[in-house]
N, C-alpha and C. Protein backbone atom coordinates (compact mmCIF):
# COMPACT_ATOMS: atom_id res chain seq x y z
N MET A 1 0.75 -0.99 0.02
CA MET A 1 -0.06 0.00 -0.16
C MET A 1 0.89 1.27 0.11
N THR A 2 0.52 2.20 -0.86
CA THR A 2 1.12 3.40 -0.79
C THR A 2 0.61 4.52 0.30
N GLU A 3 1.25 5.56 0.52
CA GLU A 3 0.61 6.39 1.58
C GLU A 3 -0.84 6.68 1.41
N GLY A 4 -1.49 6.12 2.21
CA GLY A 4 -3.07 6.52 2.40
C GLY A 4 -3.73 5.98 1.10
N ARG A 5 -3.21 4.91 0.59
CA ARG A 5 -3.89 4.46 -0.67
C ARG A 5 -3.77 2.85 -0.50
N LEU A 6 -4.61 2.41 -1.23
CA LEU A 6 -4.73 0.91 -1.43
C LEU A 6 -4.34 0.64 -2.90
N LEU A 7 -3.62 -0.35 -3.20
CA LEU A 7 -3.19 -0.89 -4.45
C LEU A 7 -4.25 -1.86 -4.74
N TYR A 8 -5.13 -1.64 -5.88
CA TYR A 8 -6.21 -2.37 -6.33
C TYR A 8 -6.04 -2.93 -7.72
N PHE A 9 -6.09 -4.29 -7.97
CA PHE A 9 -5.86 -4.77 -9.37
C PHE A 9 -7.24 -4.97 -9.91
N ALA A 10 -7.53 -4.31 -10.99
CA ALA A 10 -8.76 -4.42 -11.79
C ALA A 10 -8.57 -5.30 -13.09
N TYR A 11 -9.43 -6.20 -13.24
CA TYR A 11 -9.11 -6.94 -14.54
C TYR A 11 -10.51 -7.12 -15.32
N GLY A 12 -11.55 -6.49 -14.82
CA GLY A 12 -12.82 -6.51 -15.56
C GLY A 12 -13.36 -5.21 -15.93
N SER A 13 -14.68 -4.89 -15.68
CA SER A 13 -15.22 -3.57 -16.03
C SER A 13 -14.45 -2.49 -15.33
N ASN A 14 -13.79 -2.54 -14.23
CA ASN A 14 -13.17 -1.53 -13.53
C ASN A 14 -11.87 -1.30 -14.04
N MET A 15 -11.34 -2.06 -14.93
CA MET A 15 -10.10 -1.63 -15.68
C MET A 15 -10.38 -0.30 -16.47
N SER A 16 -11.60 0.00 -16.73
CA SER A 16 -12.00 1.24 -17.55
C SER A 16 -11.72 2.39 -16.61
N LEU A 17 -10.84 3.25 -17.00
CA LEU A 17 -10.38 4.56 -16.13
C LEU A 17 -11.65 5.38 -15.93
N ALA A 18 -12.50 5.59 -17.04
CA ALA A 18 -13.76 6.35 -17.07
C ALA A 18 -14.63 5.76 -15.99
N ARG A 19 -14.87 4.55 -16.11
CA ARG A 19 -15.94 3.86 -15.35
C ARG A 19 -15.38 3.91 -13.83
N LEU A 20 -14.21 3.61 -13.55
CA LEU A 20 -13.65 3.43 -12.08
C LEU A 20 -13.76 4.87 -11.44
N CYS A 21 -13.25 5.90 -12.28
CA CYS A 21 -13.11 7.28 -11.79
C CYS A 21 -14.44 7.75 -11.66
N ALA A 22 -15.47 7.42 -12.29
CA ALA A 22 -16.77 7.96 -12.08
C ALA A 22 -17.35 7.37 -10.78
N ARG A 23 -16.97 6.23 -10.41
CA ARG A 23 -17.36 5.48 -9.18
C ARG A 23 -16.43 5.70 -8.01
N VAL A 24 -15.08 5.80 -8.18
CA VAL A 24 -14.37 6.06 -7.06
C VAL A 24 -13.27 7.18 -7.40
N PRO A 25 -13.68 8.40 -7.39
CA PRO A 25 -12.91 9.60 -7.71
C PRO A 25 -11.66 9.53 -7.14
N GLY A 26 -10.62 9.93 -7.83
CA GLY A 26 -9.03 10.03 -7.52
C GLY A 26 -8.31 8.69 -7.65
N ALA A 27 -8.96 7.96 -8.33
CA ALA A 27 -8.25 6.47 -8.37
C ALA A 27 -7.21 6.88 -9.37
N LEU A 28 -5.89 6.29 -9.31
CA LEU A 28 -4.78 6.74 -10.02
C LEU A 28 -4.28 5.42 -10.82
N PRO A 29 -4.35 5.32 -12.17
CA PRO A 29 -3.84 4.24 -12.79
C PRO A 29 -2.33 4.03 -12.73
N LEU A 30 -1.80 3.05 -12.48
CA LEU A 30 -0.38 2.81 -12.36
C LEU A 30 0.11 1.78 -13.49
N GLY A 31 -0.73 1.31 -14.24
CA GLY A 31 0.02 0.46 -15.41
C GLY A 31 -0.58 -0.79 -15.26
N GLN A 32 -0.23 -1.58 -16.46
CA GLN A 32 -0.61 -2.94 -16.74
C GLN A 32 0.02 -3.87 -15.66
N ARG A 33 -0.57 -5.04 -15.32
CA ARG A 33 -0.05 -6.01 -14.34
C ARG A 33 -0.53 -7.26 -14.77
N ARG A 34 0.16 -8.29 -14.45
CA ARG A 34 -0.10 -9.66 -14.63
C ARG A 34 -0.40 -10.58 -13.27
N LEU A 35 -1.55 -11.25 -13.24
CA LEU A 35 -1.87 -12.12 -12.11
C LEU A 35 -1.61 -13.60 -12.79
N SER A 36 -0.44 -14.16 -12.36
CA SER A 36 -0.29 -15.67 -12.85
C SER A 36 -0.99 -16.64 -12.05
N GLY A 37 -1.46 -17.73 -12.56
CA GLY A 37 -1.92 -18.94 -11.97
C GLY A 37 -3.55 -18.72 -12.03
N TYR A 38 -4.00 -17.78 -12.70
CA TYR A 38 -5.35 -17.38 -12.92
C TYR A 38 -5.82 -17.34 -14.41
N THR A 39 -7.12 -17.64 -14.73
CA THR A 39 -7.64 -17.27 -16.01
C THR A 39 -8.90 -16.33 -15.98
N LEU A 40 -9.08 -15.54 -17.02
CA LEU A 40 -10.26 -14.61 -17.08
C LEU A 40 -11.45 -15.42 -17.30
N ARG A 41 -12.44 -15.45 -16.66
CA ARG A 41 -13.72 -16.05 -16.99
C ARG A 41 -14.83 -14.96 -16.80
N PHE A 42 -15.93 -15.19 -17.57
CA PHE A 42 -17.17 -14.46 -17.45
C PHE A 42 -18.26 -15.33 -16.91
N HIS A 43 -18.22 -15.68 -15.75
CA HIS A 43 -19.11 -16.58 -14.96
C HIS A 43 -19.53 -16.30 -13.70
N LYS A 44 -19.29 -15.03 -13.22
CA LYS A 44 -19.76 -14.55 -11.82
C LYS A 44 -21.10 -14.01 -12.15
N ARG A 45 -22.10 -14.56 -11.22
CA ARG A 45 -23.63 -14.30 -11.37
C ARG A 45 -23.80 -12.71 -10.78
N GLY A 46 -24.10 -11.67 -11.71
CA GLY A 46 -24.42 -10.55 -11.30
C GLY A 46 -25.83 -10.25 -10.77
N THR A 47 -25.92 -9.27 -10.01
CA THR A 47 -27.36 -9.01 -9.40
C THR A 47 -28.39 -8.70 -10.46
N ASP A 48 -27.85 -8.32 -11.67
CA ASP A 48 -28.72 -8.02 -12.74
C ASP A 48 -28.96 -9.19 -13.56
N GLY A 49 -28.55 -10.48 -13.12
CA GLY A 49 -28.79 -11.79 -13.88
C GLY A 49 -27.87 -11.98 -14.97
N SER A 50 -26.86 -11.22 -15.24
CA SER A 50 -25.96 -11.49 -16.25
C SER A 50 -24.58 -11.82 -15.62
N ALA A 51 -23.65 -12.26 -16.61
CA ALA A 51 -22.30 -12.73 -16.19
C ALA A 51 -21.42 -11.51 -15.95
N LYS A 52 -20.54 -11.60 -15.04
CA LYS A 52 -19.58 -10.51 -14.65
C LYS A 52 -18.27 -11.30 -14.83
N CYS A 53 -17.02 -10.68 -14.91
CA CYS A 53 -15.76 -11.14 -14.77
C CYS A 53 -15.33 -11.76 -13.53
N ASP A 54 -14.39 -12.68 -13.62
CA ASP A 54 -13.73 -13.41 -12.45
C ASP A 54 -12.13 -13.85 -12.74
N ALA A 55 -11.44 -13.54 -11.95
CA ALA A 55 -10.09 -14.20 -12.17
C ALA A 55 -10.22 -15.59 -11.38
N PHE A 56 -10.30 -16.43 -12.11
CA PHE A 56 -10.42 -17.89 -11.70
C PHE A 56 -9.12 -18.55 -11.49
N PHE A 57 -9.04 -19.07 -10.26
CA PHE A 57 -7.74 -19.66 -9.90
C PHE A 57 -7.67 -20.96 -10.63
N THR A 58 -6.42 -21.16 -11.33
CA THR A 58 -6.14 -22.59 -11.83
C THR A 58 -4.85 -23.15 -11.33
N GLY A 59 -3.94 -22.33 -10.79
CA GLY A 59 -2.72 -22.73 -10.31
C GLY A 59 -1.72 -22.92 -11.46
N SER A 60 -2.08 -22.95 -12.64
CA SER A 60 -1.02 -23.15 -13.74
C SER A 60 -0.30 -21.93 -13.99
N GLU A 61 0.97 -22.14 -14.03
CA GLU A 61 1.81 -21.04 -14.53
C GLU A 61 1.59 -20.64 -15.79
N ASN A 62 1.01 -21.42 -16.64
CA ASN A 62 0.62 -21.08 -18.09
C ASN A 62 -0.53 -20.08 -18.34
N ASP A 63 -1.24 -19.91 -17.21
CA ASP A 63 -2.57 -19.07 -16.94
C ASP A 63 -2.05 -17.68 -16.52
N ALA A 64 -2.79 -16.64 -16.99
CA ALA A 64 -2.58 -15.38 -16.43
C ALA A 64 -3.80 -14.48 -16.77
N VAL A 65 -4.06 -13.59 -15.71
CA VAL A 65 -5.12 -12.73 -15.93
C VAL A 65 -4.34 -11.24 -16.17
N LEU A 66 -4.66 -10.53 -17.09
CA LEU A 66 -4.00 -9.26 -17.25
C LEU A 66 -4.99 -8.09 -16.93
N GLY A 67 -4.41 -7.08 -16.27
CA GLY A 67 -5.38 -5.99 -15.92
C GLY A 67 -4.60 -4.66 -15.52
N MET A 68 -5.36 -3.80 -14.87
CA MET A 68 -4.73 -2.46 -14.53
C MET A 68 -4.49 -2.41 -13.03
N LEU A 69 -3.46 -1.80 -12.46
CA LEU A 69 -3.21 -1.66 -11.12
C LEU A 69 -3.53 -0.12 -10.95
N TYR A 70 -4.32 -0.10 -9.87
CA TYR A 70 -4.79 1.27 -9.49
C TYR A 70 -4.38 1.70 -8.03
N ALA A 71 -3.99 2.82 -7.83
CA ALA A 71 -4.00 3.35 -6.40
C ALA A 71 -5.33 4.00 -6.02
N VAL A 72 -5.79 3.56 -5.00
CA VAL A 72 -7.18 4.20 -4.56
C VAL A 72 -7.17 4.74 -3.07
N HIS A 73 -7.74 5.87 -3.09
CA HIS A 73 -7.80 6.55 -1.65
C HIS A 73 -8.35 5.54 -0.68
N LEU A 74 -7.66 5.34 0.50
CA LEU A 74 -8.36 4.49 1.61
C LEU A 74 -9.76 5.00 1.79
N SER A 75 -9.95 6.34 1.57
CA SER A 75 -11.28 6.93 1.98
C SER A 75 -12.39 6.18 0.99
N GLY A 76 -11.94 5.87 -0.19
CA GLY A 76 -12.83 5.20 -1.28
C GLY A 76 -12.90 3.77 -1.07
N LYS A 77 -12.33 3.01 -0.14
CA LYS A 77 -12.29 1.72 -0.03
C LYS A 77 -13.77 1.20 0.28
N ALA A 78 -14.54 1.76 1.03
CA ALA A 78 -15.94 1.31 1.20
C ALA A 78 -16.78 1.44 -0.12
N VAL A 79 -16.64 2.38 -0.99
CA VAL A 79 -17.22 2.47 -2.22
C VAL A 79 -16.79 1.49 -3.16
N LEU A 80 -15.53 1.22 -3.18
CA LEU A 80 -14.90 0.09 -3.94
C LEU A 80 -15.37 -1.20 -3.60
N ASP A 81 -15.45 -1.57 -2.36
CA ASP A 81 -16.22 -2.75 -1.77
C ASP A 81 -17.46 -2.83 -2.30
N GLU A 82 -18.28 -1.74 -2.17
CA GLU A 82 -19.69 -1.74 -2.62
C GLU A 82 -19.91 -2.06 -3.91
N ILE A 83 -19.13 -1.36 -4.92
CA ILE A 83 -19.30 -1.71 -6.29
C ILE A 83 -18.76 -2.95 -6.82
N GLU A 84 -17.92 -3.42 -6.12
CA GLU A 84 -17.31 -4.80 -6.39
C GLU A 84 -18.18 -5.87 -5.76
N GLY A 85 -19.14 -5.60 -4.98
CA GLY A 85 -20.10 -6.67 -4.51
C GLY A 85 -19.42 -7.49 -3.47
N LEU A 86 -18.66 -6.93 -2.51
CA LEU A 86 -18.02 -7.64 -1.56
C LEU A 86 -18.96 -8.30 -0.65
N GLU A 87 -18.87 -9.62 -0.47
CA GLU A 87 -19.65 -10.36 0.36
C GLU A 87 -20.91 -10.65 -0.35
N ARG A 88 -21.14 -10.16 -1.67
CA ARG A 88 -22.50 -10.38 -2.45
C ARG A 88 -22.12 -10.94 -3.84
N GLY A 89 -21.12 -11.93 -3.72
CA GLY A 89 -20.80 -12.56 -5.00
C GLY A 89 -19.34 -12.38 -5.21
N TYR A 90 -18.58 -11.49 -4.53
CA TYR A 90 -17.06 -11.43 -4.64
C TYR A 90 -16.59 -11.37 -3.20
N ASP A 91 -15.40 -11.84 -3.19
CA ASP A 91 -14.63 -11.78 -1.97
C ASP A 91 -13.33 -10.97 -2.26
N GLU A 92 -12.86 -10.34 -1.31
CA GLU A 92 -11.49 -9.59 -1.60
C GLU A 92 -10.36 -10.49 -1.14
N LYS A 93 -9.43 -10.53 -1.99
CA LYS A 93 -8.09 -11.37 -1.93
C LYS A 93 -6.90 -10.53 -2.19
N GLN A 94 -5.86 -10.94 -1.31
CA GLN A 94 -4.58 -10.23 -1.60
C GLN A 94 -3.82 -11.16 -2.55
N VAL A 95 -3.21 -10.62 -3.59
CA VAL A 95 -2.54 -11.20 -4.65
C VAL A 95 -1.28 -10.77 -5.06
N GLU A 96 -0.37 -11.49 -5.47
CA GLU A 96 0.87 -11.06 -5.86
C GLU A 96 0.94 -10.88 -7.37
N LEU A 97 1.30 -9.75 -7.95
CA LEU A 97 1.41 -9.33 -9.30
C LEU A 97 2.65 -9.28 -9.89
N SER A 98 2.86 -9.67 -11.11
CA SER A 98 4.10 -9.27 -11.86
C SER A 98 4.00 -7.84 -12.41
N CYS A 99 5.03 -7.17 -12.11
CA CYS A 99 5.11 -5.73 -12.37
C CYS A 99 6.22 -5.52 -13.39
N SER A 100 6.59 -4.30 -13.70
CA SER A 100 7.55 -3.94 -14.83
C SER A 100 8.89 -4.41 -14.20
N ARG A 101 9.77 -4.66 -15.36
CA ARG A 101 11.16 -5.13 -15.09
C ARG A 101 11.22 -6.27 -14.03
N GLY A 102 10.31 -7.24 -14.22
CA GLY A 102 10.49 -8.41 -13.49
C GLY A 102 10.19 -8.28 -11.93
N THR A 103 9.83 -7.07 -11.39
CA THR A 103 9.50 -7.07 -10.20
C THR A 103 8.22 -7.64 -9.66
N ARG A 104 7.87 -7.64 -8.37
CA ARG A 104 6.44 -8.20 -8.09
C ARG A 104 6.04 -7.29 -7.05
N CYS A 105 4.70 -7.15 -6.92
CA CYS A 105 3.96 -6.21 -5.94
C CYS A 105 2.64 -6.86 -5.44
N ALA A 106 2.23 -6.57 -4.34
CA ALA A 106 1.04 -6.97 -3.61
C ALA A 106 -0.05 -6.11 -3.96
N ALA A 107 -1.19 -6.53 -4.21
CA ALA A 107 -2.50 -5.77 -4.31
C ALA A 107 -3.62 -6.42 -3.84
N SER A 108 -4.83 -5.82 -3.61
CA SER A 108 -6.01 -6.29 -3.42
C SER A 108 -6.84 -6.49 -4.62
N THR A 109 -7.54 -7.47 -4.87
CA THR A 109 -8.51 -7.68 -5.98
C THR A 109 -9.80 -8.46 -5.50
N TYR A 110 -10.68 -8.66 -6.28
CA TYR A 110 -11.89 -9.27 -5.83
C TYR A 110 -12.26 -10.53 -6.83
N VAL A 111 -12.43 -11.60 -6.22
CA VAL A 111 -12.69 -12.95 -6.91
C VAL A 111 -14.05 -13.29 -6.64
N ALA A 112 -14.75 -13.95 -7.57
CA ALA A 112 -16.07 -14.48 -7.62
C ALA A 112 -16.40 -15.57 -6.68
N THR A 113 -17.42 -15.59 -5.82
CA THR A 113 -18.00 -16.68 -5.04
C THR A 113 -19.25 -17.27 -5.59
N ALA A 114 -19.88 -16.25 -6.40
CA ALA A 114 -21.26 -16.71 -6.98
C ALA A 114 -21.02 -17.00 -8.35
N ILE A 115 -20.92 -18.32 -8.81
CA ILE A 115 -20.62 -18.72 -10.08
C ILE A 115 -21.66 -19.45 -10.73
N ASP A 116 -21.95 -19.00 -12.05
CA ASP A 116 -22.90 -19.70 -12.93
C ASP A 116 -22.41 -19.69 -14.29
N PRO A 117 -21.81 -20.71 -14.80
CA PRO A 117 -21.28 -20.80 -16.16
C PRO A 117 -22.24 -20.79 -17.24
N THR A 118 -23.48 -20.68 -16.94
CA THR A 118 -24.50 -20.58 -18.11
C THR A 118 -24.86 -19.49 -18.45
N LEU A 119 -24.36 -18.38 -17.66
CA LEU A 119 -24.60 -16.89 -17.95
C LEU A 119 -23.86 -16.31 -18.91
N LEU A 120 -24.30 -15.28 -19.63
CA LEU A 120 -23.46 -14.44 -20.71
C LEU A 120 -23.54 -13.06 -20.04
N PRO A 121 -22.49 -12.26 -20.36
CA PRO A 121 -22.56 -10.98 -20.02
C PRO A 121 -23.30 -10.06 -21.04
N PHE A 122 -23.85 -8.82 -20.31
CA PHE A 122 -24.59 -7.99 -21.28
C PHE A 122 -23.55 -7.32 -22.24
N ASP A 123 -23.86 -6.76 -23.36
CA ASP A 123 -23.05 -6.15 -24.31
C ASP A 123 -22.44 -4.98 -23.79
N TRP A 124 -23.12 -4.20 -22.93
CA TRP A 124 -22.42 -2.88 -22.35
C TRP A 124 -21.43 -3.31 -21.39
N TYR A 125 -21.60 -4.38 -20.75
CA TYR A 125 -20.53 -4.85 -19.61
C TYR A 125 -19.36 -5.21 -20.43
N LEU A 126 -19.37 -5.88 -21.51
CA LEU A 126 -18.15 -6.26 -22.32
C LEU A 126 -17.46 -4.99 -22.97
N GLN A 127 -18.25 -3.97 -23.26
CA GLN A 127 -17.58 -2.87 -23.65
C GLN A 127 -16.98 -2.05 -22.65
N HIS A 128 -17.27 -2.05 -21.34
CA HIS A 128 -16.52 -1.69 -20.18
C HIS A 128 -15.22 -2.32 -20.33
N VAL A 129 -15.12 -3.71 -20.28
CA VAL A 129 -13.99 -4.42 -20.20
C VAL A 129 -13.17 -4.19 -21.34
N LEU A 130 -13.66 -3.99 -22.56
CA LEU A 130 -12.82 -3.77 -23.68
C LEU A 130 -12.22 -2.31 -23.57
N ALA A 131 -12.97 -1.36 -23.09
CA ALA A 131 -12.51 0.03 -22.87
C ALA A 131 -11.32 -0.11 -21.96
N GLY A 132 -11.57 -0.77 -20.84
CA GLY A 132 -10.40 -0.96 -19.77
C GLY A 132 -9.30 -1.67 -20.46
N ALA A 133 -9.41 -2.66 -21.24
CA ALA A 133 -8.24 -3.35 -21.82
C ALA A 133 -7.51 -2.19 -22.73
N ARG A 134 -8.06 -1.30 -23.32
CA ARG A 134 -7.61 -0.30 -24.09
C ARG A 134 -6.68 0.55 -23.23
N ASP A 135 -7.32 0.97 -22.15
CA ASP A 135 -6.73 2.00 -21.02
C ASP A 135 -5.45 1.39 -20.56
N ALA A 136 -5.42 -0.04 -20.35
CA ALA A 136 -4.45 -0.81 -19.88
C ALA A 136 -3.40 -1.16 -20.78
N ALA A 137 -3.75 -0.86 -22.14
CA ALA A 137 -2.79 -1.20 -23.20
C ALA A 137 -2.47 -2.82 -23.06
N LEU A 138 -3.71 -3.69 -22.94
CA LEU A 138 -3.32 -5.09 -22.87
C LEU A 138 -3.09 -5.51 -24.42
N PRO A 139 -2.40 -6.52 -24.33
CA PRO A 139 -1.78 -7.09 -25.68
C PRO A 139 -2.93 -7.61 -26.56
N ALA A 140 -2.94 -7.27 -27.86
CA ALA A 140 -4.01 -7.53 -28.75
C ALA A 140 -4.46 -9.07 -28.71
N ASP A 141 -3.49 -9.91 -28.65
CA ASP A 141 -3.77 -11.32 -28.74
C ASP A 141 -4.61 -11.84 -27.33
N TYR A 142 -4.26 -11.11 -26.19
CA TYR A 142 -4.99 -11.48 -25.04
C TYR A 142 -6.40 -10.93 -25.15
N VAL A 143 -6.48 -9.75 -25.67
CA VAL A 143 -7.77 -9.00 -25.84
C VAL A 143 -8.68 -9.98 -26.70
N ARG A 144 -8.23 -10.29 -27.75
CA ARG A 144 -8.97 -11.26 -28.80
C ARG A 144 -9.49 -12.61 -28.05
N ARG A 145 -8.42 -13.29 -27.42
CA ARG A 145 -8.73 -14.56 -26.89
C ARG A 145 -9.50 -14.48 -25.67
N ALA A 146 -9.26 -13.46 -24.63
CA ALA A 146 -10.04 -13.69 -23.45
C ALA A 146 -11.25 -12.75 -23.28
N ILE A 147 -11.34 -11.72 -24.19
CA ILE A 147 -12.39 -10.63 -23.97
C ILE A 147 -13.28 -10.80 -25.27
N GLU A 148 -12.71 -10.42 -26.38
CA GLU A 148 -13.52 -10.22 -27.62
C GLU A 148 -14.16 -11.45 -28.07
N SER A 149 -13.76 -12.62 -27.62
CA SER A 149 -14.32 -13.99 -28.05
C SER A 149 -15.36 -14.21 -27.30
N VAL A 150 -15.88 -13.62 -26.37
CA VAL A 150 -16.94 -13.93 -25.31
C VAL A 150 -18.21 -13.48 -25.93
N ALA A 151 -19.19 -14.49 -25.93
CA ALA A 151 -20.52 -14.28 -26.47
C ALA A 151 -21.28 -13.26 -25.43
N VAL A 152 -22.16 -12.38 -26.00
CA VAL A 152 -22.92 -11.34 -25.15
C VAL A 152 -24.42 -11.58 -25.45
N VAL A 153 -25.14 -10.98 -24.68
CA VAL A 153 -26.47 -10.67 -24.83
C VAL A 153 -26.98 -9.36 -24.52
N SER A 154 -27.85 -8.92 -25.23
CA SER A 154 -28.50 -7.48 -24.95
C SER A 154 -29.06 -7.40 -23.76
N ASP A 155 -28.94 -6.26 -23.01
CA ASP A 155 -29.67 -6.02 -21.76
C ASP A 155 -31.18 -5.76 -21.92
N PRO A 156 -31.83 -6.39 -21.29
CA PRO A 156 -33.50 -6.33 -21.63
C PRO A 156 -34.01 -4.90 -20.95
N ASP A 157 -33.11 -4.27 -20.11
CA ASP A 157 -33.29 -3.03 -19.58
C ASP A 157 -32.68 -2.02 -20.55
N VAL A 158 -33.30 -1.54 -21.54
CA VAL A 158 -32.68 -0.68 -22.60
C VAL A 158 -32.04 0.55 -21.93
N GLN A 159 -32.79 1.19 -20.86
CA GLN A 159 -32.34 2.36 -20.24
C GLN A 159 -31.06 2.11 -19.50
N ARG A 160 -31.01 1.01 -18.88
CA ARG A 160 -29.69 0.76 -18.02
C ARG A 160 -28.42 0.63 -19.14
N GLY A 161 -28.79 -0.12 -20.26
CA GLY A 161 -27.78 -0.18 -21.25
C GLY A 161 -27.33 0.98 -21.80
N ALA A 162 -28.28 2.02 -22.05
CA ALA A 162 -27.87 3.31 -22.69
C ALA A 162 -27.06 4.15 -21.57
N LEU A 163 -27.40 4.04 -20.33
CA LEU A 163 -26.65 4.74 -19.42
C LEU A 163 -25.25 4.11 -19.22
N GLU A 164 -25.11 2.78 -19.29
CA GLU A 164 -23.75 2.19 -19.18
C GLU A 164 -22.90 2.66 -20.36
N PHE A 165 -23.47 2.50 -21.66
CA PHE A 165 -22.76 2.86 -22.91
C PHE A 165 -22.15 4.27 -22.73
N ALA A 166 -23.15 5.23 -22.09
CA ALA A 166 -22.80 6.74 -22.22
C ALA A 166 -21.62 7.00 -21.44
N VAL A 167 -21.13 6.16 -20.54
CA VAL A 167 -19.89 6.45 -19.64
C VAL A 167 -18.67 6.68 -20.46
N HIS A 168 -18.68 6.04 -21.71
CA HIS A 168 -17.39 6.29 -22.47
C HIS A 168 -17.63 7.18 -23.58
N ARG A 169 -18.67 7.92 -23.62
CA ARG A 169 -18.98 8.98 -24.64
C ARG A 169 -18.57 10.23 -24.07
N ARG A 170 -18.12 10.48 -22.70
CA ARG A 170 -18.03 11.80 -22.16
C ARG A 170 -16.83 12.40 -22.37
């Protein structure tokens, strides 16, 4: 942890700088990081009935989730816990990330506890993840394989979908 801040590893919709800063003002992006031994899955059951991202533990050194490391003010931790759904489908976990130049760093992230592999993400949710992948400058092959290849469904709540898409037009 840096002075008065929590290091937070975002790998799903909160990789998006616009989305995270709209929800947790003052979040500072620190760059792309790698979480080894995990794979990105869209199988966390969201409160809206759609799939959300999960860093799913495999233990295989061949697997990795890529994402963005943020420094979040400690005063924003309760908001972060709320938007991440702490104890409502996600648990907080301390992880060790690969950082630049071969160094490692510790950070907090959230992993799914409510899993339903039959669900698909809403189209707007995948757009948040793709925007975050661009913000984090994730490698194109990872984005194609882990994110763009995921099937989506349209949100039956058209108004919610429009509001979610609007975050990236500001």
